[in-house]
Amino acid sequence: MIEGKDAVEAANRFLRNMLGENLRDLRLEEIELSQDGQEWDITLSFLRRGTPAALSEILAQALPREYKVVAVSATTGDVRSMRIKQFA
């Protein structure tokens, strides 16, 4: 079984690989091991480069964060899925 830290590293690599280098301010938000112990759910948030940051800063508005949940196998460390974080 892989440790949570290794699952986070796998999720970070996967997200950067899939979404490219236009991510900024990547943050770990949540980490949770499934009840059956088979999967880590890693929630990451980020800002995208290329958004009008300068204008937002001038207007003193924060850029909206994007949230993704990356599911990582607890046995192999392979990424199984990526989905948009749903807030209740």
PDB file of N, CA and C in Angstrom:
ATOM      1  N   MET A   1       0.840  -1.186   0.000  1.00  0.00           N
ATOM      2  CA  MET A   1       0.000   0.000   0.000  1.00  0.00           C
ATOM      3  C   MET A   1       0.882   1.244   0.000  1.00  0.00           C
ATOM      4  N   ILE A   2       0.477   2.245  -0.801  1.00  0.00           N
ATOM      5  CA  ILE A   2       1.269   3.471  -0.834  1.00  0.00           C
ATOM      6  C   ILE A   2       0.784   4.434   0.247  1.00  0.00           C
ATOM      7  N   GLU A   3       1.661   5.280   0.690  1.00  0.00           N
ATOM      8  CA  GLU A   3       1.352   6.275   1.711  1.00  0.00           C
ATOM      9  C   GLU A   3       0.615   7.451   1.071  1.00  0.00           C
ATOM     10  N   GLY A   4      -0.063   8.236   1.889  1.00  0.00           N
ATOM     11  CA  GLY A   4      -0.782   9.405   1.410  1.00  0.00           C
ATOM     12  C   GLY A   4       0.117  10.390   0.682  1.00  0.00           C
ATOM     13  N   LYS A   5       1.325  10.592   1.200  1.00  0.00           N
ATOM     14  CA  LYS A   5       2.272  11.515   0.576  1.00  0.00           C
ATOM     15  C   LYS A   5       2.583  11.098  -0.865  1.00  0.00           C
ATOM     16  N   ASP A   6       2.755   9.785  -1.088  1.00  0.00           N
ATOM     17  CA  ASP A   6       3.038   9.285  -2.433  1.00  0.00           C
ATOM     18  C   ASP A   6       1.829   9.469  -3.348  1.00  0.00           C
ATOM     19  N   ALA A   7       0.635   9.305  -2.796  1.00  0.00           N
ATOM     20  CA  ALA A   7      -0.587   9.507  -3.587  1.00  0.00           C
ATOM     21  C   ALA A   7      -0.710  10.972  -4.005  1.00  0.00           C
ATOM     22  N   VAL A   8      -0.362  11.886  -3.112  1.00  0.00           N
ATOM     23  CA  VAL A   8      -0.403  13.316  -3.432  1.00  0.00           C
ATOM     24  C   VAL A   8       0.586  13.638  -4.545  1.00  0.00           C
ATOM     25  N   GLU A   9       1.780  13.092  -4.458  1.00  0.00           N
ATOM     26  CA  GLU A   9       2.786  13.325  -5.499  1.00  0.00           C
ATOM     27  C   GLU A   9       2.306  12.797  -6.844  1.00  0.00           C
ATOM     28  N   ALA A  10       1.679  11.618  -6.861  1.00  0.00           N
ATOM     29  CA  ALA A  10       1.149  11.053  -8.106  1.00  0.00           C
ATOM     30  C   ALA A  10       0.049  11.945  -8.671  1.00  0.00           C
ATOM     31  N   ALA A  11      -0.824  12.450  -7.811  1.00  0.00           N
ATOM     32  CA  ALA A  11      -1.912  13.334  -8.250  1.00  0.00           C
ATOM     33  C   ALA A  11      -1.355  14.633  -8.825  1.00  0.00           C
ATOM     34  N   ASN A  12      -0.350  15.209  -8.171  1.00  0.00           N
ATOM     35  CA  ASN A  12       0.283  16.433  -8.679  1.00  0.00           C
ATOM     36  C   ASN A  12       0.888  16.214 -10.055  1.00  0.00           C
ATOM     37  N   ARG A  13       1.639  15.135 -10.214  1.00  0.00           N
ATOM     38  CA  ARG A  13       2.254  14.832 -11.515  1.00  0.00           C
ATOM     39  C   ARG A  13       1.191  14.670 -12.591  1.00  0.00           C
ATOM     40  N   PHE A  14       0.139  13.912 -12.269  1.00  0.00           N
ATOM     41  CA  PHE A  14      -0.936  13.665 -13.224  1.00  0.00           C
ATOM     42  C   PHE A  14      -1.608  14.976 -13.650  1.00  0.00           C
ATOM     43  N   LEU A  15      -1.936  15.811 -12.690  1.00  0.00           N
ATOM     44  CA  LEU A  15      -2.620  17.064 -12.992  1.00  0.00           C
ATOM     45  C   LEU A  15      -1.757  17.962 -13.869  1.00  0.00           C
ATOM     46  N   ARG A  16      -0.490  18.090 -13.536  1.00  0.00           N
ATOM     47  CA  ARG A  16       0.418  18.918 -14.349  1.00  0.00           C
ATOM     48  C   ARG A  16       0.581  18.336 -15.756  1.00  0.00           C
ATOM     49  N   ASN A  17       0.622  17.023 -15.858  1.00  0.00           N
ATOM     50  CA  ASN A  17       0.762  16.377 -17.158  1.00  0.00           C
ATOM     51  C   ASN A  17      -0.495  16.583 -18.009  1.00  0.00           C
ATOM     52  N   MET A  18      -1.658  16.456 -17.403  1.00  0.00           N
ATOM     53  CA  MET A  18      -2.912  16.569 -18.142  1.00  0.00           C
ATOM     54  C   MET A  18      -3.281  18.013 -18.492  1.00  0.00           C
ATOM     55  N   LEU A  19      -3.013  18.934 -17.590  1.00  0.00           N
ATOM     56  CA  LEU A  19      -3.452  20.318 -17.792  1.00  0.00           C
ATOM     57  C   LEU A  19      -2.329  21.251 -18.219  1.00  0.00           C
ATOM     58  N   GLY A  20      -1.134  20.717 -18.320  1.00  0.00           N
ATOM     59  CA  GLY A  20      -0.014  21.513 -18.801  1.00  0.00           C
ATOM     60  C   GLY A  20       0.562  22.434 -17.749  1.00  0.00           C
ATOM     61  N   GLU A  21       1.377  23.324 -18.218  1.00  0.00           N
ATOM     62  CA  GLU A  21       2.094  24.230 -17.323  1.00  0.00           C
ATOM     63  C   GLU A  21       1.318  25.505 -17.030  1.00  0.00           C
ATOM     64  N   ASN A  22       0.041  25.565 -17.443  1.00  0.00           N
ATOM     65  CA  ASN A  22      -0.703  26.796 -17.204  1.00  0.00           C
ATOM     66  C   ASN A  22      -1.388  26.802 -15.838  1.00  0.00           C
ATOM     67  N   LEU A  23      -0.879  26.016 -14.911  1.00  0.00           N
ATOM     68  CA  LEU A  23      -1.404  26.001 -13.544  1.00  0.00           C
ATOM     69  C   LEU A  23      -0.557  26.901 -12.664  1.00  0.00           C
ATOM     70  N   ARG A  24      -1.211  27.593 -11.755  1.00  0.00           N
ATOM     71  CA  ARG A  24      -0.449  28.356 -10.772  1.00  0.00           C
ATOM     72  C   ARG A  24      -1.120  28.212  -9.420  1.00  0.00           C
ATOM     73  N   ASP A  25      -0.315  28.366  -8.422  1.00  0.00           N
ATOM     74  CA  ASP A  25      -0.770  28.285  -7.034  1.00  0.00           C
ATOM     75  C   ASP A  25      -1.494  26.964  -6.755  1.00  0.00           C
ATOM     76  N   LEU A  26      -0.864  25.863  -7.159  1.00  0.00           N
ATOM     77  CA  LEU A  26      -1.412  24.523  -6.919  1.00  0.00           C
ATOM     78  C   LEU A  26      -1.382  24.230  -5.421  1.00  0.00           C
ATOM     79  N   ARG A  27      -2.526  23.821  -4.873  1.00  0.00           N
ATOM     80  CA  ARG A  27      -2.633  23.563  -3.427  1.00  0.00           C
ATOM     81  C   ARG A  27      -3.293  22.225  -3.160  1.00  0.00           C
ATOM     82  N   LEU A  28      -2.803  21.562  -2.139  1.00  0.00           N
ATOM     83  CA  LEU A  28      -3.462  20.373  -1.618  1.00  0.00           C
ATOM     84  C   LEU A  28      -4.586  20.840  -0.713  1.00  0.00           C
ATOM     85  N   GLU A  29      -5.812  20.383  -0.984  1.00  0.00           N
ATOM     86  CA  GLU A  29      -6.968  20.787  -0.182  1.00  0.00           C
ATOM     87  C   GLU A  29      -7.434  19.668   0.746  1.00  0.00           C
ATOM     88  N   GLU A  30      -7.525  18.446   0.218  1.00  0.00           N
ATOM     89  CA  GLU A  30      -8.016  17.312   1.008  1.00  0.00           C
ATOM     90  C   GLU A  30      -7.326  16.033   0.555  1.00  0.00           C
ATOM     91  N   ILE A  31      -7.242  15.109   1.477  1.00  0.00           N
ATOM     92  CA  ILE A  31      -6.777  13.762   1.163  1.00  0.00           C
ATOM     93  C   ILE A  31      -7.624  12.796   1.987  1.00  0.00           C
ATOM     94  N   GLU A  32      -8.130  11.764   1.319  1.00  0.00           N
ATOM     95  CA  GLU A  32      -9.003  10.814   2.013  1.00  0.00           C
ATOM     96  C   GLU A  32      -8.797   9.411   1.440  1.00  0.00           C
ATOM     97  N   LEU A  33      -8.630   8.456   2.329  1.00  0.00           N
ATOM     98  CA  LEU A  33      -8.547   7.053   1.944  1.00  0.00           C
ATOM     99  C   LEU A  33      -9.955   6.481   1.964  1.00  0.00           C
ATOM    100  N   SER A  34     -10.331   5.779   0.898  1.00  0.00           N
ATOM    101  CA  SER A  34     -11.677   5.205   0.826  1.00  0.00           C
ATOM    102  C   SER A  34     -11.896   4.215   1.969  1.00  0.00           C
ATOM    103  N   GLN A  35     -13.159   3.942   2.272  1.00  0.00           N
ATOM    104  CA  GLN A  35     -13.482   3.043   3.390  1.00  0.00           C
ATOM    105  C   GLN A  35     -12.915   1.644   3.191  1.00  0.00           C
ATOM    106  N   ASP A  36     -12.847   1.203   1.925  1.00  0.00           N
ATOM    107  CA  ASP A  36     -12.299  -0.137   1.675  1.00  0.00           C
ATOM    108  C   ASP A  36     -10.779  -0.138   1.562  1.00  0.00           C
ATOM    109  N   GLY A  37     -10.154   1.056   1.666  1.00  0.00           N
ATOM    110  CA  GLY A  37      -8.698   1.153   1.640  1.00  0.00           C
ATOM    111  C   GLY A  37      -8.075   0.968   0.273  1.00  0.00           C
ATOM    112  N   GLN A  38      -8.876   1.020  -0.771  1.00  0.00           N
ATOM    113  CA  GLN A  38      -8.376   0.753  -2.122  1.00  0.00           C
ATOM    114  C   GLN A  38      -7.973   1.996  -2.905  1.00  0.00           C
ATOM    115  N   GLU A  39      -8.404   3.170  -2.439  1.00  0.00           N
ATOM    116  CA  GLU A  39      -8.199   4.359  -3.247  1.00  0.00           C
ATOM    117  C   GLU A  39      -8.017   5.599  -2.381  1.00  0.00           C
ATOM    118  N   TRP A  40      -7.068   6.432  -2.786  1.00  0.00           N
ATOM    119  CA  TRP A  40      -6.889   7.741  -2.188  1.00  0.00           C
ATOM    120  C   TRP A  40      -7.624   8.751  -3.056  1.00  0.00           C
ATOM    121  N   ASP A  41      -8.434   9.617  -2.449  1.00  0.00           N
ATOM    122  CA  ASP A  41      -9.035  10.746  -3.156  1.00  0.00           C
ATOM    123  C   ASP A  41      -8.269  11.990  -2.737  1.00  0.00           C
ATOM    124  N   ILE A  42      -7.599  12.600  -3.704  1.00  0.00           N
ATOM    125  CA  ILE A  42      -6.762  13.761  -3.477  1.00  0.00           C
ATOM    126  C   ILE A  42      -7.440  14.964  -4.119  1.00  0.00           C
ATOM    127  N   THR A  43      -7.809  15.960  -3.317  1.00  0.00           N
ATOM    128  CA  THR A  43      -8.412  17.176  -3.856  1.00  0.00           C
ATOM    129  C   THR A  43      -7.338  18.245  -3.955  1.00  0.00           C
ATOM    130  N   LEU A  44      -7.162  18.755  -5.177  1.00  0.00           N
ATOM    131  CA  LEU A  44      -6.194  19.806  -5.453  1.00  0.00           C
ATOM    132  C   LEU A  44      -6.935  21.015  -6.007  1.00  0.00           C
ATOM    133  N   SER A  45      -6.438  22.201  -5.710  1.00  0.00           N
ATOM    134  CA  SER A  45      -7.007  23.404  -6.299  1.00  0.00           C
ATOM    135  C   SER A  45      -5.885  24.207  -6.947  1.00  0.00           C
ATOM    136  N   PHE A  46      -6.279  25.061  -7.890  1.00  0.00           N
ATOM    137  CA  PHE A  46      -5.288  25.841  -8.632  1.00  0.00           C
ATOM    138  C   PHE A  46      -5.963  27.005  -9.335  1.00  0.00           C
ATOM    139  N   LEU A  47      -5.125  27.902  -9.805  1.00  0.00           N
ATOM    140  CA  LEU A  47      -5.525  28.976 -10.698  1.00  0.00           C
ATOM    141  C   LEU A  47      -4.928  28.646 -12.053  1.00  0.00           C
ATOM    142  N   ARG A  48      -5.575  29.085 -13.099  1.00  0.00           N
ATOM    143  CA  ARG A  48      -5.022  28.848 -14.445  1.00  0.00           C
ATOM    144  C   ARG A  48      -4.304  30.085 -14.933  1.00  0.00           C
ATOM    145  N   ARG A  49      -3.127  29.857 -15.506  1.00  0.00           N
ATOM    146  CA  ARG A  49      -2.415  30.949 -16.166  1.00  0.00           C
ATOM    147  C   ARG A  49      -3.192  31.315 -17.426  1.00  0.00           C
ATOM    148  N   GLY A  50      -3.011  32.511 -17.866  1.00  0.00           N
ATOM    149  CA  GLY A  50      -3.694  32.936 -19.070  1.00  0.00           C
ATOM    150  C   GLY A  50      -5.016  33.629 -18.768  1.00  0.00           C
ATOM    151  N   THR A  51      -5.493  33.520 -17.532  1.00  0.00           N
ATOM    152  CA  THR A  51      -6.676  34.269 -17.153  1.00  0.00           C
ATOM    153  C   THR A  51      -6.231  35.703 -16.897  1.00  0.00           C
ATOM    154  N   PRO A  52      -7.116  36.644 -17.005  1.00  0.00           N
ATOM    155  CA  PRO A  52      -6.694  38.049 -16.886  1.00  0.00           C
ATOM    156  C   PRO A  52      -6.320  38.426 -15.450  1.00  0.00           C
ATOM    157  N   ALA A  53      -5.215  37.898 -14.986  1.00  0.00           N
ATOM    158  CA  ALA A  53      -4.781  38.131 -13.610  1.00  0.00           C
ATOM    159  C   ALA A  53      -4.530  39.607 -13.352  1.00  0.00           C
ATOM    160  N   ALA A  54      -3.896  40.283 -14.289  1.00  0.00           N
ATOM    161  CA  ALA A  54      -3.576  41.687 -14.074  1.00  0.00           C
ATOM    162  C   ALA A  54      -4.854  42.501 -13.882  1.00  0.00           C
ATOM    163  N   LEU A  55      -5.851  42.246 -14.702  1.00  0.00           N
ATOM    164  CA  LEU A  55      -7.124  42.951 -14.571  1.00  0.00           C
ATOM    165  C   LEU A  55      -7.777  42.622 -13.238  1.00  0.00           C
ATOM    166  N   SER A  56      -7.753  41.368 -12.852  1.00  0.00           N
ATOM    167  CA  SER A  56      -8.327  40.972 -11.570  1.00  0.00           C
ATOM    168  C   SER A  56      -7.627  41.661 -10.415  1.00  0.00           C
ATOM    169  N   GLU A  57      -6.313  41.758 -10.524  1.00  0.00           N
ATOM    170  CA  GLU A  57      -5.563  42.425  -9.469  1.00  0.00           C
ATOM    171  C   GLU A  57      -5.891  43.910  -9.423  1.00  0.00           C
ATOM    172  N   ILE A  58      -6.049  44.511 -10.583  1.00  0.00           N
ATOM    173  CA  ILE A  58      -6.398  45.926 -10.626  1.00  0.00           C
ATOM    174  C   ILE A  58      -7.757  46.145  -9.981  1.00  0.00           C
ATOM    175  N   LEU A  59      -8.679  45.257 -10.266  1.00  0.00           N
ATOM    176  CA  LEU A  59     -10.024  45.380  -9.723  1.00  0.00           C
ATOM    177  C   LEU A  59     -10.135  44.798  -8.318  1.00  0.00           C
ATOM    178  N   ALA A  60      -9.020  44.282  -7.795  1.00  0.00           N
ATOM    179  CA  ALA A  60      -8.954  43.685  -6.459  1.00  0.00           C
ATOM    180  C   ALA A  60      -9.925  42.520  -6.312  1.00  0.00           C
ATOM    181  N   GLN A  61     -10.071  41.746  -7.374  1.00  0.00           N
ATOM    182  CA  GLN A  61     -10.913  40.556  -7.330  1.00  0.00           C
ATOM    183  C   GLN A  61     -10.018  39.331  -7.416  1.00  0.00           C
ATOM    184  N   ALA A  62     -10.374  38.342  -6.661  1.00  0.00           N
ATOM    185  CA  ALA A  62      -9.609  37.091  -6.693  1.00  0.00           C
ATOM    186  C   ALA A  62     -10.012  36.276  -7.914  1.00  0.00           C
ATOM    187  N   LEU A  63      -9.062  35.570  -8.477  1.00  0.00           N
ATOM    188  CA  LEU A  63      -9.374  34.646  -9.560  1.00  0.00           C
ATOM    189  C   LEU A  63     -10.091  33.438  -8.981  1.00  0.00           C
ATOM    190  N   PRO A  64     -11.037  32.903  -9.710  1.00  0.00           N
ATOM    191  CA  PRO A  64     -11.720  31.716  -9.186  1.00  0.00           C
ATOM    192  C   PRO A  64     -10.780  30.504  -9.183  1.00  0.00           C
ATOM    193  N   ARG A  65     -10.789  29.767  -8.078  1.00  0.00           N
ATOM    194  CA  ARG A  65      -9.991  28.550  -7.990  1.00  0.00           C
ATOM    195  C   ARG A  65     -10.744  27.423  -8.642  1.00  0.00           C
ATOM    196  N   GLU A  66     -10.016  26.532  -9.260  1.00  0.00           N
ATOM    197  CA  GLU A  66     -10.588  25.299  -9.788  1.00  0.00           C
ATOM    198  C   GLU A  66     -10.198  24.180  -8.840  1.00  0.00           C
ATOM    199  N   TYR A  67     -11.119  23.240  -8.656  1.00  0.00           N
ATOM    200  CA  TYR A  67     -10.899  22.125  -7.736  1.00  0.00           C
ATOM    201  C   TYR A  67     -11.075  20.818  -8.490  1.00  0.00           C
ATOM    202  N   LYS A  68     -10.105  19.935  -8.361  1.00  0.00           N
ATOM    203  CA  LYS A  68     -10.151  18.612  -8.977  1.00  0.00           C
ATOM    204  C   LYS A  68      -9.904  17.560  -7.920  1.00  0.00           C
ATOM    205  N   VAL A  69     -10.594  16.437  -8.059  1.00  0.00           N
ATOM    206  CA  VAL A  69     -10.361  15.274  -7.207  1.00  0.00           C
ATOM    207  C   VAL A  69      -9.686  14.228  -8.076  1.00  0.00           C
ATOM    208  N   VAL A  70      -8.506  13.820  -7.667  1.00  0.00           N
ATOM    209  CA  VAL A  70      -7.749  12.800  -8.380  1.00  0.00           C
ATOM    210  C   VAL A  70      -7.774  11.536  -7.535  1.00  0.00           C
ATOM    211  N   ALA A  71      -8.294  10.451  -8.115  1.00  0.00           N
ATOM    212  CA  ALA A  71      -8.357   9.162  -7.426  1.00  0.00           C
ATOM    213  C   ALA A  71      -7.100   8.368  -7.771  1.00  0.00           C
ATOM    214  N   VAL A  72      -6.398   7.927  -6.736  1.00  0.00           N
ATOM    215  CA  VAL A  72      -5.135   7.203  -6.899  1.00  0.00           C
ATOM    216  C   VAL A  72      -5.262   5.842  -6.223  1.00  0.00           C
ATOM    217  N   SER A  73      -4.872   4.784  -6.935  1.00  0.00           N
ATOM    218  CA  SER A  73      -4.904   3.442  -6.367  1.00  0.00           C
ATOM    219  C   SER A  73      -3.992   3.376  -5.146  1.00  0.00           C
ATOM    220  N   ALA A  74      -4.524   2.862  -4.051  1.00  0.00           N
ATOM    221  CA  ALA A  74      -3.735   2.747  -2.815  1.00  0.00           C
ATOM    222  C   ALA A  74      -2.747   1.590  -2.883  1.00  0.00           C
ATOM    223  N   THR A  75      -2.925   0.692  -3.830  1.00  0.00           N
ATOM    224  CA  THR A  75      -2.000  -0.437  -3.941  1.00  0.00           C
ATOM    225  C   THR A  75      -0.901  -0.187  -4.961  1.00  0.00           C
ATOM    226  N   THR A  76      -1.235   0.430  -6.113  1.00  0.00           N
ATOM    227  CA  THR A  76      -0.241   0.604  -7.172  1.00  0.00           C
ATOM    228  C   THR A  76       0.280   2.023  -7.309  1.00  0.00           C
ATOM    229  N   GLY A  77      -0.490   3.007  -6.824  1.00  0.00           N
ATOM    230  CA  GLY A  77      -0.108   4.400  -7.002  1.00  0.00           C
ATOM    231  C   GLY A  77      -0.507   4.965  -8.349  1.00  0.00           C
ATOM    232  N   ASP A  78      -1.224   4.177  -9.151  1.00  0.00           N
ATOM    233  CA  ASP A  78      -1.679   4.639 -10.459  1.00  0.00           C
ATOM    234  C   ASP A  78      -2.907   5.534 -10.305  1.00  0.00           C
ATOM    235  N   VAL A  79      -2.988   6.560 -11.139  1.00  0.00           N
ATOM    236  CA  VAL A  79      -4.164   7.431 -11.134  1.00  0.00           C
ATOM    237  C   VAL A  79      -5.293   6.712 -11.843  1.00  0.00           C
ATOM    238  N   ARG A  80      -6.451   6.677 -11.210  1.00  0.00           N
ATOM    239  CA  ARG A  80      -7.632   6.007 -11.769  1.00  0.00           C
ATOM    240  C   ARG A  80      -8.592   6.971 -12.430  1.00  0.00           C
ATOM    241  N   SER A  81      -8.701   8.181 -11.866  1.00  0.00           N
ATOM    242  CA  SER A  81      -9.632   9.148 -12.440  1.00  0.00           C
ATOM    243  C   SER A  81      -9.330  10.550 -11.942  1.00  0.00           C
ATOM    244  N   MET A  82      -9.926  11.520 -12.653  1.00  0.00           N
ATOM    245  CA  MET A  82      -9.886  12.914 -12.244  1.00  0.00           C
ATOM    246  C   MET A  82     -11.286  13.466 -12.474  1.00  0.00           C
ATOM    247  N   ARG A  83     -11.815  14.165 -11.487  1.00  0.00           N
ATOM    248  CA  ARG A  83     -13.149  14.740 -11.638  1.00  0.00           C
ATOM    249  C   ARG A  83     -13.211  16.118 -11.003  1.00  0.00           C
ATOM    250  N   ILE A  84     -14.224  16.866 -11.351  1.00  0.00           N
ATOM    251  CA  ILE A  84     -14.427  18.187 -10.765  1.00  0.00           C
ATOM    252  C   ILE A  84     -14.978  18.009  -9.366  1.00  0.00           C
ATOM    253  N   LYS A  85     -14.439  18.735  -8.418  1.00  0.00           N
ATOM    254  CA  LYS A  85     -14.910  18.673  -7.030  1.00  0.00           C
ATOM    255  C   LYS A  85     -16.312  19.260  -6.957  1.00  0.00           C
ATOM    256  N   GLN A  86     -17.229  18.501  -6.390  1.00  0.00           N
ATOM    257  CA  GLN A  86     -18.602  18.957  -6.190  1.00  0.00           C
ATOM    258  C   GLN A  86     -18.766  19.442  -4.758  1.00  0.00           C
ATOM    259  N   PHE A  87     -19.291  20.632  -4.604  1.00  0.00           N
ATOM    260  CA  PHE A  87     -19.528  21.183  -3.272  1.00  0.00           C
ATOM    261  C   PHE A  87     -21.004  21.085  -2.955  1.00  0.00           C
ATOM    262  N   ALA A  88     -21.306  20.622  -1.756  1.00  0.00           N
ATOM    263  CA  ALA A  88     -22.709  20.461  -1.364  1.00  0.00           C
ATOM    264  C   ALA A  88     -23.254  21.726  -0.762  1.00  0.00           C
TER     265      ALA A  88
END
